[in-house]
Amino acid sequence: MVLVLGDLIADLVLHIPSFPVSAQDLQRVTYLELGPGGATNVAITAAHFGLAVGCLGEVGDDPFGAVILDGLRREGVDVSGILVNPQARTPLAAVIVDESGEPAYLGFRGSLQLAALPPAWPEPIRASQALFADGWVEYAVGATIILEGLQLAHNAGVPTFFDPGPGNPTLDNNWHLAAAAVATILLATEEEAHRLTGLADPAASARALLDNGSELVVVKRGAAGCLLVTRTALEVALAFPVQAVDATGAGDSLAGAVIYGYLQGLSLPALGLLANATGAAKVQKRGTGHNMPTRDEVQTILEQYS
């Protein structure tokens, strides 16, 4: 089973005609959906590809926690490793998207209570097929839990996937480099790779991250596609020229595809092709969660562009 560790949030996605939105303005919402978000998007994409997936994390005993649990069950994701804490409040992201397809985020951090990696989690982590985690945490203890989980998997020979994300500006994000060092596959945007290494050139920053410990670095470049870099190869994977209606979750969908492709033993060119096709399928769909791309939708992209 592939496990996704942490960052279990609910997404409230709203589409509006345009930004800015100012006080006392009234804009009609053209799309509205509440569902699982955060790292659950990666879990759902991987499940759509046919992988057995489970999540490890914490939610509150509240309506948003129920949305996450019910949504993951609906997608066939194992929720037995998710702790429901009556003293916690579940985090929520309000995602506002205009007609250009670019999102803005309003975040409610919730009040998670988990203070350490629970005793029930290490054995499933060591026995997992792969472990994914991202670098967005609201509390310093969350960084400790994620880093410990990645180290457990790494020491057990389990492939680890880490997406540092933009980091939380209220926390010290130096732990991202330690997490990257035990990540078999690191997935980062050009800006995130630059932040981690201080190098602006994406290929140079990828090589620096390989020197840090990763075996494969995937640099996400948005509409330009992605770079896939190992110690012996560099693959430039060009994006598919699709019209984006909602870029939310595109990076998560790419991560789910990379997990699937890596576990299937795809070559770098094939892995880049699959990753970009999955991202292209996502940006043509509104919302996240239940609207993450399906295997059939990815296949349609590949067939459309031969």
Protein backbone atom coordinates (compact mmCIF):
# COMPACT_ATOMS: atom_id res chain seq x y z
CA MET A 1 0.00 0.00 0.00
CA VAL A 2 1.12 3.55 -0.77
CA LEU A 3 0.81 5.80 2.30
CA VAL A 4 0.27 9.56 2.36
CA LEU A 5 1.43 11.15 5.60
CA GLY A 6 -0.09 14.36 6.97
CA ASP A 7 -1.63 17.50 5.41
CA LEU A 8 -5.21 16.26 5.60
CA ILE A 9 -7.37 19.30 4.97
CA ALA A 10 -10.73 20.14 3.43
CA ASP A 11 -10.91 22.32 0.32
CA LEU A 12 -13.75 24.75 -0.30
CA VAL A 13 -13.31 25.68 -3.97
CA LEU A 14 -15.07 28.74 -5.40
CA HIS A 15 -14.84 30.09 -8.94
CA ILE A 16 -15.50 33.78 -9.56
CA PRO A 17 -15.43 35.91 -12.71
CA SER A 18 -12.39 38.02 -11.76
CA PHE A 19 -10.06 39.46 -9.16
CA PRO A 20 -9.78 41.69 -7.21
CA VAL A 21 -12.51 41.08 -4.69
CA SER A 22 -12.96 44.14 -2.49
CA ALA A 23 -15.00 44.83 0.62
CA GLN A 24 -18.70 45.34 -0.17
CA ASP A 25 -18.28 43.92 -3.69
CA LEU A 26 -20.71 41.26 -4.88
CA GLN A 27 -19.55 38.65 -7.35
CA ARG A 28 -21.56 35.61 -8.29
CA VAL A 29 -19.81 32.32 -7.58
CA THR A 30 -19.85 30.20 -10.75
CA TYR A 31 -18.64 26.96 -9.12
CA LEU A 32 -18.68 25.72 -5.53
CA GLU A 33 -17.56 22.43 -4.01
CA LEU A 34 -16.41 21.20 -0.62
CA GLY A 35 -14.26 18.07 -0.47
CA PRO A 36 -10.93 16.56 0.57
CA GLY A 37 -7.83 18.66 -0.17
CA GLY A 38 -4.16 19.05 0.65
CA ALA A 39 -2.18 15.82 0.40
CA THR A 40 -5.42 13.86 -0.05
CA ASN A 41 -5.32 15.08 -3.66
CA VAL A 42 -2.16 13.01 -4.16
CA ALA A 43 -3.80 10.01 -2.49
CA ILE A 44 -6.89 10.27 -4.68
CA THR A 45 -4.88 10.63 -7.91
CA ALA A 46 -2.78 7.59 -7.03
CA ALA A 47 -5.96 5.65 -6.23
CA HIS A 48 -7.44 6.71 -9.58
CA PHE A 49 -4.42 5.05 -11.24
CA GLY A 50 -5.29 1.82 -9.45
CA LEU A 51 -2.83 1.85 -6.55
CA ALA A 52 -3.86 0.75 -3.05
CA VAL A 53 -3.55 3.95 -1.00
CA GLY A 54 -3.99 4.86 2.66
CA CYS A 55 -3.64 8.09 4.62
CA LEU A 56 -1.99 8.73 7.98
CA GLY A 57 -2.92 11.90 9.80
CA GLU A 58 -5.29 13.65 12.16
CA VAL A 59 -8.66 15.35 11.72
CA GLY A 60 -11.12 16.83 14.15
CA ASP A 61 -14.45 15.27 15.08
CA ASP A 62 -16.19 18.01 13.12
CA PRO A 63 -17.96 18.54 9.77
CA PHE A 64 -14.73 19.22 7.85
CA GLY A 65 -13.12 16.09 9.28
CA ALA A 66 -16.18 14.13 8.16
CA VAL A 67 -15.86 15.59 4.65
CA ILE A 68 -12.27 14.31 4.45
CA LEU A 69 -13.04 10.85 5.83
CA ASP A 70 -16.21 10.32 3.79
CA GLY A 71 -14.52 11.68 0.66
CA LEU A 72 -11.50 9.40 0.97
CA ARG A 73 -13.71 6.36 1.59
CA ARG A 74 -15.69 7.28 -1.52
CA GLU A 75 -12.44 7.25 -3.51
CA GLY A 76 -11.35 3.88 -2.13
CA VAL A 77 -8.58 5.32 0.08
CA ASP A 78 -7.93 3.50 3.38
CA VAL A 79 -8.67 5.81 6.34
CA SER A 80 -7.91 3.32 9.14
CA GLY A 81 -4.69 5.21 9.92
CA ILE A 82 -6.41 8.57 10.37
CA LEU A 83 -6.91 9.67 13.98
CA VAL A 84 -10.18 11.46 14.76
CA ASN A 85 -9.55 13.76 17.72
CA PRO A 86 -12.55 15.40 19.46
CA GLN A 87 -10.21 18.10 20.81
CA ALA A 88 -8.90 19.00 17.33
CA ARG A 89 -10.38 21.25 14.64
CA THR A 90 -9.81 20.23 11.03
CA PRO A 91 -7.85 22.64 8.77
CA LEU A 92 -9.65 24.16 5.79
CA ALA A 93 -8.48 25.97 2.66
CA ALA A 94 -10.86 28.26 0.78
CA VAL A 95 -9.59 28.23 -2.81
CA ILE A 96 -10.81 31.11 -4.97
CA VAL A 97 -10.19 30.79 -8.71
CA ASP A 98 -10.86 33.39 -11.39
CA GLU A 99 -11.41 32.88 -15.12
CA SER A 100 -7.66 32.69 -15.76
CA GLY A 101 -7.60 29.46 -13.75
CA GLU A 102 -5.15 30.71 -11.13
CA PRO A 103 -6.09 30.16 -7.47
CA ALA A 104 -5.85 32.34 -4.38
CA TYR A 105 -5.98 30.71 -0.96
CA LEU A 106 -7.55 31.56 2.39
CA GLY A 107 -6.35 29.14 5.05
CA PHE A 108 -7.88 28.12 8.39
CA ARG A 109 -5.13 26.34 10.30
CA GLY A 110 -7.41 24.41 12.62
CA SER A 111 -6.05 23.10 15.91
CA LEU A 112 -4.45 19.71 15.50
CA GLN A 113 -3.32 18.03 18.71
CA LEU A 114 -0.95 15.27 17.62
CA ALA A 115 2.34 15.72 19.51
CA ALA A 116 4.38 12.79 18.14
CA LEU A 117 4.31 9.98 15.61
CA PRO A 118 1.67 7.57 16.99
CA PRO A 119 2.90 4.08 17.99
CA ALA A 120 0.54 2.48 15.46
CA TRP A 121 2.14 4.18 12.43
CA PRO A 122 5.80 3.01 12.23
CA GLU A 123 5.05 -0.59 11.25
CA PRO A 124 2.69 0.31 8.36
CA ILE A 125 5.23 2.88 7.17
CA ARG A 126 8.04 0.29 7.13
CA ALA A 127 5.78 -2.19 5.30
CA SER A 128 4.42 0.29 2.76
CA GLN A 129 4.99 0.23 -0.99
CA ALA A 130 5.87 3.94 -0.92
CA LEU A 131 5.45 6.95 1.38
CA PHE A 132 4.49 10.48 0.28
CA ALA A 133 4.58 13.63 2.39
CA ASP A 134 4.62 17.33 1.68
CA GLY A 135 6.23 20.25 3.45
CA TRP A 136 3.21 22.31 4.38
CA VAL A 137 2.67 22.14 8.15
CA GLU A 138 0.92 24.58 10.47
CA TYR A 139 2.69 23.49 13.66
CA ALA A 140 6.36 22.79 14.31
CA VAL A 141 5.53 19.33 15.67
CA GLY A 142 4.02 18.48 12.29
CA ALA A 143 7.43 18.92 10.69
CA THR A 144 8.96 16.57 13.26
CA ILE A 145 6.32 13.91 12.59
CA ILE A 146 6.74 14.08 8.81
CA LEU A 147 10.53 14.00 9.01
CA GLU A 148 10.43 11.00 11.36
CA GLY A 149 8.03 9.18 9.03
CA LEU A 150 10.24 9.79 5.99
CA GLN A 151 13.32 8.63 7.88
CA LEU A 152 11.54 5.43 9.01
CA ALA A 153 10.56 4.61 5.44
CA HIS A 154 13.99 5.51 4.07
CA ASN A 155 15.75 3.30 6.60
CA ALA A 156 13.41 0.43 5.69
CA GLY A 157 14.20 0.76 1.98
CA VAL A 158 10.73 2.12 1.13
CA PRO A 159 10.64 4.63 -1.77
CA THR A 160 9.91 8.07 -0.33
CA PHE A 161 8.37 11.04 -2.14
CA PHE A 162 8.60 14.57 -0.74
CA ASP A 163 7.11 17.79 -2.09
CA PRO A 164 8.41 20.72 -0.01
CA GLY A 165 5.77 23.12 -1.29
CA PRO A 166 6.14 26.82 -0.59
CA GLY A 167 6.75 26.26 3.11
CA ASN A 168 4.99 27.96 5.98
CA PRO A 169 6.38 31.49 6.40
CA THR A 170 5.58 31.44 10.12
CA LEU A 171 7.87 28.43 10.70
CA ASP A 172 11.54 27.64 10.19
CA ASN A 173 11.52 25.58 6.99
CA ASN A 174 15.13 24.38 7.16
CA TRP A 175 13.71 20.93 7.92
CA HIS A 176 12.76 20.72 4.21
CA LEU A 177 16.38 20.03 3.29
CA ALA A 178 16.59 17.25 5.88
CA ALA A 179 13.40 15.74 4.46
CA ALA A 180 14.73 16.09 0.92
CA ALA A 181 17.88 14.21 1.95
CA VAL A 182 15.83 11.08 2.78
CA ALA A 183 13.44 11.46 -0.17
CA THR A 184 14.01 8.99 -2.98
CA ILE A 185 12.07 11.33 -5.26
CA LEU A 186 11.86 15.06 -4.62
CA LEU A 187 9.14 17.06 -6.39
CA ALA A 188 9.53 20.84 -6.37
CA THR A 189 8.66 23.88 -8.45
CA GLU A 190 11.47 25.98 -9.87
CA GLU A 191 10.88 28.53 -7.11
CA GLU A 192 10.98 25.87 -4.39
CA ALA A 193 14.16 24.30 -5.78
CA HIS A 194 15.71 27.79 -5.88
CA ARG A 195 14.69 28.39 -2.25
CA LEU A 196 16.20 25.10 -1.12
CA THR A 197 19.53 25.48 -2.96
CA GLY A 198 20.01 29.18 -3.67
CA LEU A 199 20.50 28.31 -7.36
CA ALA A 200 18.22 29.94 -9.92
CA ASP A 201 18.95 27.55 -12.80
CA PRO A 202 16.51 24.61 -12.46
CA ALA A 203 18.96 21.98 -13.73
CA ALA A 204 21.69 23.23 -11.39
CA SER A 205 19.31 23.32 -8.43
CA ALA A 206 18.15 19.77 -9.25
CA ARG A 207 21.75 18.53 -9.27
CA ALA A 208 22.38 20.23 -5.92
CA LEU A 209 19.35 18.41 -4.51
CA LEU A 210 20.73 15.13 -5.84
CA ASP A 211 23.94 15.91 -3.96
CA ASN A 212 21.77 16.50 -0.89
CA GLY A 213 20.57 12.88 -1.05
CA SER A 214 17.63 12.47 -3.43
CA GLU A 215 17.87 9.93 -6.27
CA LEU A 216 15.43 11.64 -8.66
CA VAL A 217 14.43 15.30 -8.71
CA VAL A 218 11.32 16.37 -10.60
CA VAL A 219 11.26 20.13 -11.17
CA LYS A 220 7.72 21.29 -11.90
CA ARG A 221 7.62 24.15 -14.41
CA GLY A 222 3.89 24.74 -14.84
CA ALA A 223 2.92 25.41 -18.45
CA ALA A 224 6.50 24.59 -19.52
CA GLY A 225 6.26 20.98 -18.26
CA CYS A 226 8.91 19.50 -15.98
CA LEU A 227 12.52 18.40 -15.68
CA LEU A 228 13.43 14.94 -14.42
CA VAL A 229 17.02 14.73 -13.22
CA THR A 230 19.08 11.82 -11.90
CA ARG A 231 22.83 11.58 -11.40
CA THR A 232 23.22 10.18 -14.91
CA ALA A 233 20.38 11.71 -16.94
CA LEU A 234 18.32 14.83 -17.51
CA GLU A 235 14.94 14.60 -19.23
CA VAL A 236 13.12 17.72 -20.46
CA ALA A 237 9.41 16.84 -20.56
CA LEU A 238 7.33 19.41 -22.42
CA ALA A 239 3.80 20.23 -21.27
CA PHE A 240 0.66 19.56 -23.27
CA PRO A 241 -0.88 22.75 -24.76
CA VAL A 242 -4.28 22.57 -23.06
CA GLN A 243 -6.54 25.39 -21.91
CA ALA A 244 -6.48 25.63 -18.12
CA VAL A 245 -9.68 26.32 -16.20
CA ASP A 246 -8.32 25.57 -12.72
CA ALA A 247 -4.65 25.03 -11.83
CA THR A 248 -5.50 24.04 -8.25
CA GLY A 249 -4.12 20.59 -7.46
CA ALA A 250 -2.09 20.31 -10.67
CA GLY A 251 1.12 19.68 -8.73
CA ASP A 252 -0.67 17.13 -6.54
CA SER A 253 -1.94 15.28 -9.59
CA LEU A 254 1.58 15.22 -11.03
CA ALA A 255 2.87 13.77 -7.75
CA GLY A 256 0.28 11.00 -7.83
CA ALA A 257 1.27 10.16 -11.40
CA VAL A 258 4.99 10.12 -10.54
CA ILE A 259 4.35 7.74 -7.63
CA TYR A 260 2.43 5.41 -9.93
CA GLY A 261 4.94 5.65 -12.78
CA TYR A 262 7.96 5.16 -10.55
CA LEU A 263 6.44 2.06 -8.95
CA GLN A 264 5.67 0.72 -12.44
CA GLY A 265 9.33 1.15 -13.41
CA LEU A 266 8.72 3.67 -16.18
CA SER A 267 11.70 5.21 -17.95
CA LEU A 268 12.39 8.92 -17.41
CA PRO A 269 10.81 9.92 -20.77
CA ALA A 270 7.69 7.84 -20.06
CA LEU A 271 7.49 9.16 -16.50
CA GLY A 272 7.68 12.76 -17.72
CA LEU A 273 5.03 12.08 -20.35
CA LEU A 274 2.67 10.56 -17.78
CA ALA A 275 3.28 13.34 -15.26
CA ASN A 276 2.55 16.11 -17.77
CA ALA A 277 -0.50 14.33 -19.20
CA THR A 278 -1.91 13.99 -15.69
CA GLY A 279 -1.30 17.66 -14.94
CA ALA A 280 -2.94 18.59 -18.27
CA ALA A 281 -5.98 16.48 -17.43
CA LYS A 282 -6.27 18.17 -14.03
CA VAL A 283 -6.10 21.80 -15.16
CA GLN A 284 -9.01 21.20 -17.51
CA LYS A 285 -11.21 20.27 -14.53
CA ARG A 286 -12.58 22.51 -11.80
CA GLY A 287 -11.86 21.80 -8.16
CA THR A 288 -9.78 19.22 -6.30
CA GLY A 289 -10.53 16.09 -4.28
CA HIS A 290 -13.12 14.10 -6.18
CA ASN A 291 -12.22 16.03 -9.33
CA MET A 292 -8.62 14.87 -9.51
CA PRO A 293 -7.95 13.31 -12.92
CA THR A 294 -8.86 9.72 -13.65
CA ARG A 295 -6.81 7.18 -15.54
CA ASP A 296 -9.23 7.40 -18.48
CA GLU A 297 -8.88 11.19 -18.63
CA VAL A 298 -5.10 10.90 -18.68
CA GLN A 299 -5.35 8.28 -21.42
CA THR A 300 -7.52 10.69 -23.43
CA ILE A 301 -4.81 13.36 -23.24
CA LEU A 302 -2.16 10.89 -24.41
CA GLU A 303 -4.33 9.74 -27.31
CA GLN A 304 -5.33 13.29 -28.28
CA TYR A 305 -1.70 14.32 -28.61
CA SER A 306 -0.50 10.96 -29.97
